[in-house]
Amino acid sequence: MALDPANVYLETERLILRRMDESDIDNLYALDSDPEVMRYLNSGQTHTREEIATRVLPHYLDHQFRYGDRYGFWAAIEKAADSFIGWFHFRPYRTNPSEIELGYRLIPAAWGKHYATEGSRGLLEKGFTEFGVEKIVADTLVGNDRSRRVMEALGMRVEEEGTLDQDEFPEWDDAQRRWVKYSITRSEWAAMTDRAEEGSE
């Protein structure tokens, strides 16, 4: 299906990130009803379709209302199959809005294909070159090795570690609630990009 160019936020070699809308309810339900997808999220609890329709999707769409074409949640479409494989977000960080947070959630069939790294690299470039962002961050649980490898592949470094509030995540023990924050600055990204270009000459 051809996409309206006005709805396209970012395009990479294999992915298109587009605006979400009400038609994505079933896509999001298929994603968030998978226990493996939610293992390190929401205390490991899946979402019902009703939760998607009444709480989750409205939250995503609210970001588009507040930030327009700059920041928000974006549906990830695999070009080859023209299919929804998850989403990426790029938004002001909750504890420091001057920092911009990237994140993603993909269906298991898309794991191991480096889509998370590809989409995130595109967001880093867009943020630093188009928006003039000074610092981009990402966080995850300490035990989420898959996401941590993506952050490290992007050249991000560990900035901070902590423990989630037990009252908010009572189902998890202390070890499960440990989290880690990664970051990269525009100057660090530029230096890394320059080295990569020099190495390819």
N, C-alpha and C. Protein backbone atom coordinates (compact mmCIF):
# COMPACT_ATOMS: atom_id res chain seq x y z
N MET A 1 0.85 -1.20 0.00
CA MET A 1 0.00 0.00 0.00
C MET A 1 0.88 1.25 0.00
N ALA A 2 0.60 2.18 -0.91
CA ALA A 2 1.39 3.40 -0.99
C ALA A 2 1.11 4.30 0.20
N LEU A 3 2.17 4.84 0.77
CA LEU A 3 2.02 5.73 1.91
C LEU A 3 1.98 7.18 1.46
N ASP A 4 1.15 7.96 2.12
CA ASP A 4 1.14 9.39 1.90
C ASP A 4 2.47 9.95 2.40
N PRO A 5 3.26 10.61 1.55
CA PRO A 5 4.55 11.14 1.99
C PRO A 5 4.44 12.02 3.23
N ALA A 6 3.29 12.66 3.42
CA ALA A 6 3.11 13.53 4.58
C ALA A 6 3.09 12.74 5.88
N ASN A 7 2.84 11.44 5.80
CA ASN A 7 2.79 10.60 7.00
C ASN A 7 4.12 9.91 7.30
N VAL A 8 5.09 10.07 6.41
CA VAL A 8 6.39 9.41 6.59
C VAL A 8 7.31 10.30 7.42
N TYR A 9 7.80 9.75 8.51
CA TYR A 9 8.70 10.48 9.41
C TYR A 9 10.15 10.22 9.05
N LEU A 10 10.46 8.98 8.72
CA LEU A 10 11.84 8.58 8.45
C LEU A 10 11.83 7.37 7.53
N GLU A 11 12.78 7.34 6.62
CA GLU A 11 12.96 6.18 5.75
C GLU A 11 14.41 5.73 5.81
N THR A 12 14.63 4.44 6.00
CA THR A 12 15.96 3.86 5.97
C THR A 12 16.01 2.84 4.84
N GLU A 13 17.08 2.10 4.76
CA GLU A 13 17.22 1.14 3.66
C GLU A 13 16.07 0.14 3.62
N ARG A 14 15.65 -0.35 4.79
CA ARG A 14 14.64 -1.41 4.81
C ARG A 14 13.35 -1.03 5.53
N LEU A 15 13.31 0.15 6.14
CA LEU A 15 12.18 0.53 6.97
C LEU A 15 11.58 1.88 6.57
N ILE A 16 10.31 2.02 6.86
CA ILE A 16 9.63 3.31 6.83
C ILE A 16 8.99 3.52 8.20
N LEU A 17 9.23 4.66 8.80
CA LEU A 17 8.56 5.03 10.04
C LEU A 17 7.49 6.04 9.67
N ARG A 18 6.24 5.72 9.99
CA ARG A 18 5.11 6.57 9.60
C ARG A 18 4.27 6.93 10.83
N ARG A 19 3.42 7.91 10.64
CA ARG A 19 2.48 8.30 11.69
C ARG A 19 1.57 7.14 12.04
N MET A 20 1.19 7.05 13.31
CA MET A 20 0.18 6.09 13.72
C MET A 20 -1.20 6.73 13.60
N ASP A 21 -2.23 5.87 13.53
CA ASP A 21 -3.61 6.34 13.57
C ASP A 21 -4.49 5.24 14.16
N GLU A 22 -5.78 5.45 14.18
CA GLU A 22 -6.70 4.51 14.82
C GLU A 22 -6.66 3.13 14.17
N SER A 23 -6.25 3.06 12.92
CA SER A 23 -6.20 1.76 12.24
C SER A 23 -5.10 0.86 12.78
N ASP A 24 -4.24 1.40 13.63
CA ASP A 24 -3.14 0.61 14.18
C ASP A 24 -3.51 -0.16 15.45
N ILE A 25 -4.75 -0.11 15.88
CA ILE A 25 -5.14 -0.80 17.11
C ILE A 25 -4.80 -2.29 17.03
N ASP A 26 -5.18 -2.94 15.95
CA ASP A 26 -4.91 -4.38 15.85
C ASP A 26 -3.42 -4.67 15.74
N ASN A 27 -2.69 -3.82 15.04
CA ASN A 27 -1.23 -3.97 14.97
C ASN A 27 -0.61 -3.92 16.36
N LEU A 28 -1.03 -2.94 17.14
CA LEU A 28 -0.47 -2.76 18.47
C LEU A 28 -0.90 -3.87 19.41
N TYR A 29 -2.12 -4.36 19.24
CA TYR A 29 -2.58 -5.46 20.08
C TYR A 29 -1.77 -6.72 19.80
N ALA A 30 -1.52 -7.00 18.53
CA ALA A 30 -0.71 -8.17 18.18
C ALA A 30 0.69 -8.06 18.79
N LEU A 31 1.21 -6.86 18.84
CA LEU A 31 2.54 -6.62 19.41
C LEU A 31 2.52 -6.78 20.93
N ASP A 32 1.62 -6.07 21.59
CA ASP A 32 1.64 -6.00 23.06
C ASP A 32 0.96 -7.18 23.74
N SER A 33 0.33 -8.06 22.99
CA SER A 33 -0.27 -9.26 23.59
C SER A 33 0.71 -10.43 23.60
N ASP A 34 1.90 -10.20 23.09
CA ASP A 34 2.93 -11.25 23.05
C ASP A 34 3.77 -11.17 24.33
N PRO A 35 3.77 -12.21 25.16
CA PRO A 35 4.53 -12.17 26.42
C PRO A 35 6.02 -11.94 26.23
N GLU A 36 6.60 -12.45 25.13
CA GLU A 36 8.02 -12.24 24.91
C GLU A 36 8.34 -10.78 24.63
N VAL A 37 7.46 -10.11 23.88
CA VAL A 37 7.65 -8.69 23.60
C VAL A 37 7.61 -7.88 24.89
N MET A 38 6.71 -8.25 25.79
CA MET A 38 6.48 -7.47 27.02
C MET A 38 7.32 -7.94 28.20
N ARG A 39 8.24 -8.84 27.98
CA ARG A 39 9.01 -9.44 29.07
C ARG A 39 9.68 -8.40 29.96
N TYR A 40 10.23 -7.36 29.36
CA TYR A 40 10.94 -6.33 30.14
C TYR A 40 10.16 -5.03 30.24
N LEU A 41 8.86 -5.10 30.00
CA LEU A 41 8.02 -3.91 29.97
C LEU A 41 6.77 -4.13 30.82
N ASN A 42 6.24 -3.06 31.38
CA ASN A 42 4.94 -3.13 32.03
C ASN A 42 4.85 -4.28 33.05
N SER A 43 5.91 -4.46 33.83
CA SER A 43 6.00 -5.56 34.80
C SER A 43 5.80 -6.92 34.14
N GLY A 44 6.10 -6.98 32.84
CA GLY A 44 5.95 -8.23 32.12
C GLY A 44 4.53 -8.56 31.74
N GLN A 45 3.60 -7.63 31.97
CA GLN A 45 2.19 -7.87 31.68
C GLN A 45 1.84 -7.44 30.25
N THR A 46 1.05 -8.28 29.57
CA THR A 46 0.60 -7.92 28.22
C THR A 46 -0.57 -6.94 28.31
N HIS A 47 -0.90 -6.32 27.17
CA HIS A 47 -2.03 -5.40 27.10
C HIS A 47 -3.22 -6.06 26.41
N THR A 48 -4.40 -5.75 26.88
CA THR A 48 -5.61 -6.20 26.20
C THR A 48 -5.90 -5.25 25.04
N ARG A 49 -6.80 -5.70 24.14
CA ARG A 49 -7.17 -4.82 23.03
C ARG A 49 -7.85 -3.56 23.54
N GLU A 50 -8.65 -3.71 24.61
CA GLU A 50 -9.32 -2.55 25.18
C GLU A 50 -8.30 -1.54 25.73
N GLU A 51 -7.26 -2.04 26.38
CA GLU A 51 -6.22 -1.15 26.90
C GLU A 51 -5.51 -0.43 25.75
N ILE A 52 -5.28 -1.14 24.67
CA ILE A 52 -4.66 -0.52 23.50
C ILE A 52 -5.54 0.62 22.99
N ALA A 53 -6.83 0.34 22.84
CA ALA A 53 -7.76 1.31 22.24
C ALA A 53 -8.02 2.51 23.13
N THR A 54 -8.08 2.29 24.45
CA THR A 54 -8.49 3.37 25.35
C THR A 54 -7.34 4.09 26.04
N ARG A 55 -6.17 3.44 26.10
CA ARG A 55 -5.06 4.06 26.84
C ARG A 55 -3.76 4.15 26.05
N VAL A 56 -3.34 3.03 25.48
CA VAL A 56 -2.02 2.98 24.84
C VAL A 56 -1.97 3.83 23.57
N LEU A 57 -2.84 3.54 22.61
CA LEU A 57 -2.82 4.30 21.35
C LEU A 57 -3.11 5.78 21.58
N PRO A 58 -4.10 6.16 22.40
CA PRO A 58 -4.30 7.60 22.67
C PRO A 58 -3.05 8.28 23.22
N HIS A 59 -2.29 7.55 24.05
CA HIS A 59 -1.03 8.11 24.58
C HIS A 59 -0.04 8.36 23.45
N TYR A 60 0.06 7.42 22.53
CA TYR A 60 0.97 7.60 21.39
C TYR A 60 0.52 8.77 20.52
N LEU A 61 -0.77 8.83 20.23
CA LEU A 61 -1.28 9.89 19.36
C LEU A 61 -1.17 11.26 20.01
N ASP A 62 -1.26 11.30 21.33
CA ASP A 62 -1.11 12.57 22.04
C ASP A 62 0.26 13.18 21.81
N HIS A 63 1.27 12.34 21.68
CA HIS A 63 2.61 12.86 21.39
C HIS A 63 2.61 13.58 20.04
N GLN A 64 1.93 13.03 19.04
CA GLN A 64 1.87 13.68 17.74
C GLN A 64 1.11 14.99 17.82
N PHE A 65 0.07 15.03 18.65
CA PHE A 65 -0.68 16.27 18.84
C PHE A 65 0.20 17.34 19.48
N ARG A 66 0.99 16.95 20.47
CA ARG A 66 1.81 17.90 21.21
C ARG A 66 3.05 18.35 20.44
N TYR A 67 3.66 17.41 19.71
CA TYR A 67 4.97 17.70 19.10
C TYR A 67 4.95 17.74 17.58
N GLY A 68 3.81 17.47 16.97
CA GLY A 68 3.70 17.56 15.52
C GLY A 68 4.62 16.58 14.81
N ASP A 69 5.35 17.06 13.82
CA ASP A 69 6.21 16.20 13.02
C ASP A 69 7.60 16.03 13.63
N ARG A 70 7.82 16.57 14.80
CA ARG A 70 9.17 16.55 15.38
C ARG A 70 9.40 15.30 16.24
N TYR A 71 8.52 15.08 17.20
CA TYR A 71 8.70 13.97 18.13
C TYR A 71 7.42 13.16 18.27
N GLY A 72 7.56 11.89 18.68
CA GLY A 72 6.39 11.06 18.89
C GLY A 72 6.70 9.58 18.75
N PHE A 73 5.63 8.80 18.53
CA PHE A 73 5.71 7.36 18.30
C PHE A 73 5.39 7.11 16.83
N TRP A 74 6.17 6.22 16.20
CA TRP A 74 6.06 6.04 14.76
C TRP A 74 5.98 4.55 14.44
N ALA A 75 4.99 4.16 13.66
CA ALA A 75 4.84 2.77 13.24
C ALA A 75 5.99 2.39 12.31
N ALA A 76 6.59 1.22 12.55
CA ALA A 76 7.70 0.74 11.72
C ALA A 76 7.15 -0.23 10.68
N ILE A 77 7.38 0.09 9.42
CA ILE A 77 6.89 -0.73 8.31
C ILE A 77 8.09 -1.33 7.59
N GLU A 78 8.09 -2.65 7.49
CA GLU A 78 9.13 -3.34 6.72
C GLU A 78 8.81 -3.18 5.24
N LYS A 79 9.73 -2.55 4.51
CA LYS A 79 9.46 -2.26 3.10
C LYS A 79 9.19 -3.51 2.28
N ALA A 80 10.02 -4.53 2.44
CA ALA A 80 9.95 -5.71 1.57
C ALA A 80 8.58 -6.38 1.64
N ALA A 81 8.02 -6.48 2.82
CA ALA A 81 6.73 -7.14 2.99
C ALA A 81 5.58 -6.16 3.13
N ASP A 82 5.89 -4.86 3.18
CA ASP A 82 4.89 -3.82 3.41
C ASP A 82 4.04 -4.16 4.63
N SER A 83 4.73 -4.51 5.73
CA SER A 83 4.01 -4.96 6.92
C SER A 83 4.50 -4.24 8.17
N PHE A 84 3.59 -4.11 9.14
CA PHE A 84 3.89 -3.51 10.44
C PHE A 84 4.75 -4.46 11.25
N ILE A 85 5.88 -3.98 11.76
CA ILE A 85 6.75 -4.84 12.57
C ILE A 85 6.96 -4.26 13.97
N GLY A 86 6.30 -3.14 14.28
CA GLY A 86 6.46 -2.55 15.60
C GLY A 86 6.46 -1.04 15.54
N TRP A 87 7.16 -0.42 16.48
CA TRP A 87 7.23 1.04 16.48
C TRP A 87 8.56 1.52 17.06
N PHE A 88 8.86 2.78 16.76
CA PHE A 88 9.98 3.50 17.37
C PHE A 88 9.41 4.76 18.01
N HIS A 89 10.02 5.20 19.08
CA HIS A 89 9.67 6.52 19.58
C HIS A 89 10.91 7.39 19.65
N PHE A 90 10.67 8.68 19.57
CA PHE A 90 11.72 9.70 19.60
C PHE A 90 11.05 10.90 20.24
N ARG A 91 11.39 11.17 21.51
CA ARG A 91 10.61 12.14 22.28
C ARG A 91 11.44 12.73 23.40
N PRO A 92 11.02 13.86 23.98
CA PRO A 92 11.72 14.42 25.14
C PRO A 92 11.74 13.41 26.29
N TYR A 93 12.89 13.30 26.94
CA TYR A 93 13.05 12.33 28.03
C TYR A 93 12.24 12.77 29.24
N ARG A 94 11.65 11.80 29.92
CA ARG A 94 10.68 12.10 30.97
C ARG A 94 11.25 12.92 32.12
N THR A 95 12.52 12.71 32.48
CA THR A 95 13.09 13.45 33.62
C THR A 95 13.92 14.65 33.20
N ASN A 96 14.16 14.79 31.91
CA ASN A 96 14.94 15.93 31.41
C ASN A 96 14.56 16.17 29.94
N PRO A 97 13.56 17.01 29.68
CA PRO A 97 13.07 17.22 28.31
C PRO A 97 14.10 17.79 27.34
N SER A 98 15.22 18.29 27.84
CA SER A 98 16.25 18.78 26.92
C SER A 98 17.00 17.62 26.26
N GLU A 99 16.89 16.42 26.85
CA GLU A 99 17.45 15.22 26.26
C GLU A 99 16.35 14.53 25.47
N ILE A 100 16.71 13.92 24.35
CA ILE A 100 15.73 13.25 23.50
C ILE A 100 15.94 11.74 23.59
N GLU A 101 14.86 11.05 23.89
CA GLU A 101 14.92 9.60 24.11
C GLU A 101 14.48 8.84 22.86
N LEU A 102 15.28 7.83 22.50
CA LEU A 102 14.84 6.92 21.45
C LEU A 102 14.48 5.58 22.08
N GLY A 103 13.56 4.89 21.46
CA GLY A 103 13.15 3.57 21.93
C GLY A 103 12.41 2.86 20.82
N TYR A 104 12.13 1.59 21.04
CA TYR A 104 11.46 0.80 20.01
C TYR A 104 10.82 -0.42 20.63
N ARG A 105 9.89 -1.01 19.93
CA ARG A 105 9.26 -2.27 20.31
C ARG A 105 8.91 -2.99 19.02
N LEU A 106 9.50 -4.17 18.81
CA LEU A 106 9.33 -4.89 17.55
C LEU A 106 8.78 -6.29 17.79
N ILE A 107 8.07 -6.82 16.80
CA ILE A 107 7.55 -8.18 16.89
C ILE A 107 8.72 -9.17 16.85
N PRO A 108 8.59 -10.33 17.49
CA PRO A 108 9.68 -11.31 17.52
C PRO A 108 10.18 -11.72 16.14
N ALA A 109 9.30 -11.76 15.14
CA ALA A 109 9.73 -12.15 13.80
C ALA A 109 10.74 -11.17 13.21
N ALA A 110 10.80 -9.95 13.77
CA ALA A 110 11.74 -8.93 13.29
C ALA A 110 13.03 -8.91 14.10
N TRP A 111 13.10 -9.70 15.16
CA TRP A 111 14.30 -9.72 15.99
C TRP A 111 15.45 -10.41 15.24
N GLY A 112 16.66 -10.00 15.56
CA GLY A 112 17.83 -10.62 14.97
C GLY A 112 18.14 -10.18 13.56
N LYS A 113 17.38 -9.24 13.04
CA LYS A 113 17.59 -8.74 11.67
C LYS A 113 18.18 -7.34 11.64
N HIS A 114 18.55 -6.84 12.80
CA HIS A 114 19.17 -5.51 12.95
C HIS A 114 18.25 -4.35 12.57
N TYR A 115 16.93 -4.59 12.60
CA TYR A 115 16.00 -3.50 12.33
C TYR A 115 16.05 -2.45 13.44
N ALA A 116 16.18 -2.89 14.69
CA ALA A 116 16.23 -1.94 15.80
C ALA A 116 17.43 -1.01 15.66
N THR A 117 18.57 -1.58 15.28
CA THR A 117 19.77 -0.77 15.09
C THR A 117 19.61 0.16 13.89
N GLU A 118 19.07 -0.35 12.81
CA GLU A 118 18.89 0.45 11.59
C GLU A 118 17.97 1.63 11.84
N GLY A 119 16.82 1.37 12.44
CA GLY A 119 15.88 2.46 12.72
C GLY A 119 16.44 3.47 13.70
N SER A 120 17.13 2.97 14.72
CA SER A 120 17.71 3.86 15.73
C SER A 120 18.82 4.72 15.14
N ARG A 121 19.62 4.15 14.26
CA ARG A 121 20.67 4.95 13.60
C ARG A 121 20.05 6.09 12.79
N GLY A 122 18.94 5.77 12.12
CA GLY A 122 18.26 6.81 11.37
C GLY A 122 17.75 7.92 12.26
N LEU A 123 17.26 7.55 13.45
CA LEU A 123 16.76 8.55 14.39
C LEU A 123 17.91 9.40 14.96
N LEU A 124 19.04 8.77 15.24
CA LEU A 124 20.20 9.54 15.71
C LEU A 124 20.59 10.59 14.66
N GLU A 125 20.68 10.16 13.42
CA GLU A 125 21.08 11.10 12.36
C GLU A 125 20.05 12.22 12.21
N LYS A 126 18.79 11.87 12.23
CA LYS A 126 17.73 12.89 12.09
C LYS A 126 17.79 13.87 13.24
N GLY A 127 17.92 13.34 14.45
CA GLY A 127 17.95 14.21 15.62
C GLY A 127 19.13 15.16 15.63
N PHE A 128 20.30 14.64 15.34
CA PHE A 128 21.51 15.47 15.41
C PHE A 128 21.66 16.42 14.23
N THR A 129 21.27 15.98 13.03
CA THR A 129 21.50 16.83 11.86
C THR A 129 20.31 17.70 11.49
N GLU A 130 19.09 17.19 11.65
CA GLU A 130 17.90 17.94 11.25
C GLU A 130 17.35 18.80 12.38
N PHE A 131 17.34 18.24 13.60
CA PHE A 131 16.76 18.94 14.73
C PHE A 131 17.78 19.65 15.60
N GLY A 132 19.06 19.38 15.40
CA GLY A 132 20.09 20.03 16.21
C GLY A 132 20.08 19.58 17.66
N VAL A 133 19.63 18.36 17.92
CA VAL A 133 19.61 17.83 19.28
C VAL A 133 21.04 17.73 19.82
N GLU A 134 21.22 18.04 21.09
CA GLU A 134 22.55 17.98 21.70
C GLU A 134 22.85 16.62 22.31
N LYS A 135 21.83 15.91 22.78
CA LYS A 135 22.06 14.64 23.47
C LYS A 135 20.85 13.73 23.28
N ILE A 136 21.12 12.47 22.95
CA ILE A 136 20.09 11.46 22.77
C ILE A 136 20.33 10.34 23.77
N VAL A 137 19.27 9.89 24.41
CA VAL A 137 19.39 8.88 25.47
C VAL A 137 18.46 7.71 25.19
N ALA A 138 18.69 6.62 25.90
CA ALA A 138 17.82 5.44 25.84
C ALA A 138 18.01 4.67 27.13
N ASP A 139 16.95 4.05 27.63
CA ASP A 139 17.12 3.24 28.82
C ASP A 139 16.38 1.92 28.69
N THR A 140 16.78 0.97 29.51
CA THR A 140 16.18 -0.35 29.51
C THR A 140 16.52 -1.02 30.83
N LEU A 141 15.96 -2.19 31.06
CA LEU A 141 16.33 -2.95 32.25
C LEU A 141 17.71 -3.57 32.06
N VAL A 142 18.43 -3.69 33.15
CA VAL A 142 19.79 -4.23 33.09
C VAL A 142 19.80 -5.61 32.43
N GLY A 143 18.77 -6.41 32.69
CA GLY A 143 18.73 -7.77 32.15
C GLY A 143 18.36 -7.87 30.68
N ASN A 144 17.99 -6.77 30.06
CA ASN A 144 17.56 -6.80 28.65
C ASN A 144 18.78 -6.71 27.74
N ASP A 145 19.49 -7.81 27.62
CA ASP A 145 20.75 -7.83 26.85
C ASP A 145 20.54 -7.47 25.39
N ARG A 146 19.42 -7.85 24.81
CA ARG A 146 19.18 -7.58 23.40
C ARG A 146 19.15 -6.07 23.13
N SER A 147 18.41 -5.33 23.95
CA SER A 147 18.34 -3.89 23.76
C SER A 147 19.67 -3.22 24.10
N ARG A 148 20.35 -3.73 25.12
CA ARG A 148 21.64 -3.14 25.48
C ARG A 148 22.65 -3.28 24.34
N ARG A 149 22.61 -4.40 23.64
CA ARG A 149 23.53 -4.58 22.50
C ARG A 149 23.23 -3.57 21.40
N VAL A 150 21.95 -3.26 21.19
CA VAL A 150 21.60 -2.26 20.19
C VAL A 150 22.19 -0.90 20.58
N MET A 151 22.00 -0.50 21.83
CA MET A 151 22.51 0.79 22.29
C MET A 151 24.02 0.87 22.15
N GLU A 152 24.70 -0.22 22.46
CA GLU A 152 26.15 -0.23 22.34
C GLU A 152 26.59 -0.20 20.88
N ALA A 153 25.83 -0.86 20.00
CA ALA A 153 26.14 -0.82 18.57
C ALA A 153 25.99 0.58 18.00
N LEU A 154 25.13 1.39 18.63
CA LEU A 154 24.93 2.77 18.19
C LEU A 154 26.03 3.70 18.68
N GLY A 155 26.92 3.20 19.52
CA GLY A 155 27.97 4.03 20.08
C GLY A 155 27.56 4.74 21.35
N MET A 156 26.42 4.36 21.91
CA MET A 156 25.96 4.98 23.14
C MET A 156 26.73 4.38 24.33
N ARG A 157 26.89 5.17 25.37
CA ARG A 157 27.64 4.73 26.55
C ARG A 157 26.73 4.77 27.77
N VAL A 158 27.05 3.95 28.76
CA VAL A 158 26.28 3.94 30.01
C VAL A 158 26.51 5.24 30.76
N GLU A 159 25.43 5.90 31.12
CA GLU A 159 25.51 7.15 31.85
C GLU A 159 25.06 7.00 33.30
N GLU A 160 24.08 6.13 33.52
CA GLU A 160 23.47 6.06 34.85
C GLU A 160 22.81 4.70 35.05
N GLU A 161 22.77 4.24 36.29
CA GLU A 161 22.04 3.02 36.65
C GLU A 161 21.19 3.30 37.87
N GLY A 162 20.12 2.55 38.00
CA GLY A 162 19.25 2.75 39.15
C GLY A 162 18.30 1.58 39.32
N THR A 163 17.32 1.74 40.20
CA THR A 163 16.33 0.70 40.47
C THR A 163 14.95 1.31 40.40
N LEU A 164 14.07 0.67 39.65
CA LEU A 164 12.69 1.14 39.54
C LEU A 164 11.98 1.04 40.89
N ASP A 165 11.01 1.90 41.10
CA ASP A 165 10.25 1.93 42.34
C ASP A 165 9.46 0.63 42.53
N GLN A 166 9.65 0.02 43.68
CA GLN A 166 8.96 -1.24 43.96
C GLN A 166 7.44 -1.07 43.97
N ASP A 167 6.95 0.09 44.40
CA ASP A 167 5.51 0.32 44.43
C ASP A 167 4.90 0.30 43.03
N GLU A 168 5.68 0.74 42.04
CA GLU A 168 5.20 0.76 40.67
C GLU A 168 5.34 -0.59 39.98
N PHE A 169 6.32 -1.38 40.42
CA PHE A 169 6.60 -2.66 39.78
C PHE A 169 6.72 -3.76 40.84
N PRO A 170 5.64 -4.01 41.57
CA PRO A 170 5.69 -4.96 42.68
C PRO A 170 5.92 -6.40 42.25
N GLU A 171 5.63 -6.71 40.98
CA GLU A 171 5.79 -8.08 40.51
C GLU A 171 7.26 -8.47 40.31
N TRP A 172 8.13 -7.46 40.22
CA TRP A 172 9.55 -7.73 39.98
C TRP A 172 10.35 -7.63 41.26
N ASP A 173 11.40 -8.47 41.37
CA ASP A 173 12.29 -8.36 42.53
C ASP A 173 13.33 -7.27 42.26
N ASP A 174 14.22 -7.05 43.24
CA ASP A 174 15.19 -5.96 43.12
C ASP A 174 16.06 -6.09 41.88
N ALA A 175 16.51 -7.30 41.59
CA ALA A 175 17.38 -7.50 40.43
C ALA A 175 16.64 -7.20 39.13
N GLN A 176 15.39 -7.60 39.05
CA GLN A 176 14.61 -7.37 37.83
C GLN A 176 14.32 -5.89 37.62
N ARG A 177 14.27 -5.11 38.70
CA ARG A 177 13.94 -3.70 38.60
C ARG A 177 15.15 -2.80 38.35
N ARG A 178 16.33 -3.39 38.23
CA ARG A 178 17.51 -2.59 37.93
C ARG A 178 17.44 -2.09 36.48
N TRP A 179 17.74 -0.81 36.27
CA TRP A 179 17.70 -0.23 34.93
C TRP A 179 19.01 0.48 34.63
N VAL A 180 19.24 0.73 33.35
CA VAL A 180 20.45 1.39 32.90
C VAL A 180 20.09 2.40 31.82
N LYS A 181 20.74 3.55 31.88
CA LYS A 181 20.52 4.62 30.91
C LYS A 181 21.77 4.82 30.07
N TYR A 182 21.59 4.86 28.77
CA TYR A 182 22.67 5.10 27.81
C TYR A 182 22.49 6.48 27.19
N SER A 183 23.59 7.04 26.68
CA SER A 183 23.49 8.35 26.03
C SER A 183 24.60 8.52 25.00
N ILE A 184 24.38 9.47 24.11
CA ILE A 184 25.39 9.88 23.14
C ILE A 184 25.13 11.35 22.81
N THR A 185 26.18 12.15 22.76
CA THR A 185 26.05 13.57 22.43
C THR A 185 26.27 13.78 20.93
N ARG A 186 25.89 14.95 20.48
CA ARG A 186 26.07 15.26 19.06
C ARG A 186 27.54 15.22 18.66
N SER A 187 28.42 15.74 19.52
CA SER A 187 29.85 15.74 19.20
C SER A 187 30.40 14.31 19.19
N GLU A 188 29.93 13.46 20.10
CA GLU A 188 30.38 12.06 20.10
C GLU A 188 29.90 11.35 18.85
N TRP A 189 28.66 11.61 18.47
CA TRP A 189 28.12 10.98 17.26
C TRP A 189 28.88 11.46 16.02
N ALA A 190 29.17 12.75 15.95
CA ALA A 190 29.88 13.30 14.79
C ALA A 190 31.27 12.69 14.68
N ALA A 191 31.96 12.56 15.80
CA ALA A 191 33.31 11.97 15.79
C ALA A 191 33.24 10.52 15.34
N MET A 192 32.25 9.77 15.82
CA MET A 192 32.09 8.37 15.44
C MET A 192 31.78 8.26 13.95
N THR A 193 30.92 9.15 13.45
CA THR A 193 30.56 9.14 12.03
C THR A 193 31.77 9.46 11.16
N ASP A 194 32.56 10.43 11.59
CA ASP A 194 33.78 10.79 10.84
C ASP A 194 34.74 9.61 10.77
N ARG A 195 34.92 8.90 11.89
CA ARG A 195 35.81 7.74 11.90
C ARG A 195 35.32 6.66 10.97
N ALA A 196 34.01 6.44 10.95
CA ALA A 196 33.43 5.42 10.09
C ALA A 196 33.64 5.77 8.62
N GLU A 197 33.48 7.06 8.29
CA GLU A 197 33.68 7.49 6.90
C GLU A 197 35.13 7.38 6.49
N GLU A 198 36.03 7.70 7.39
CA GLU A 198 37.47 7.57 7.09
C GLU A 198 37.85 6.12 6.88
N GLY A 199 37.24 5.23 7.66
CA GLY A 199 37.54 3.82 7.55
C GLY A 199 37.04 3.18 6.27
N SER A 200 36.06 3.82 5.63
CA SER A 200 35.48 3.26 4.40
C SER A 200 36.17 3.78 3.15
N GLU A 201 37.09 4.73 3.32
CA GLU A 201 37.76 5.30 2.15
C GLU A 201 38.81 4.34 1.60
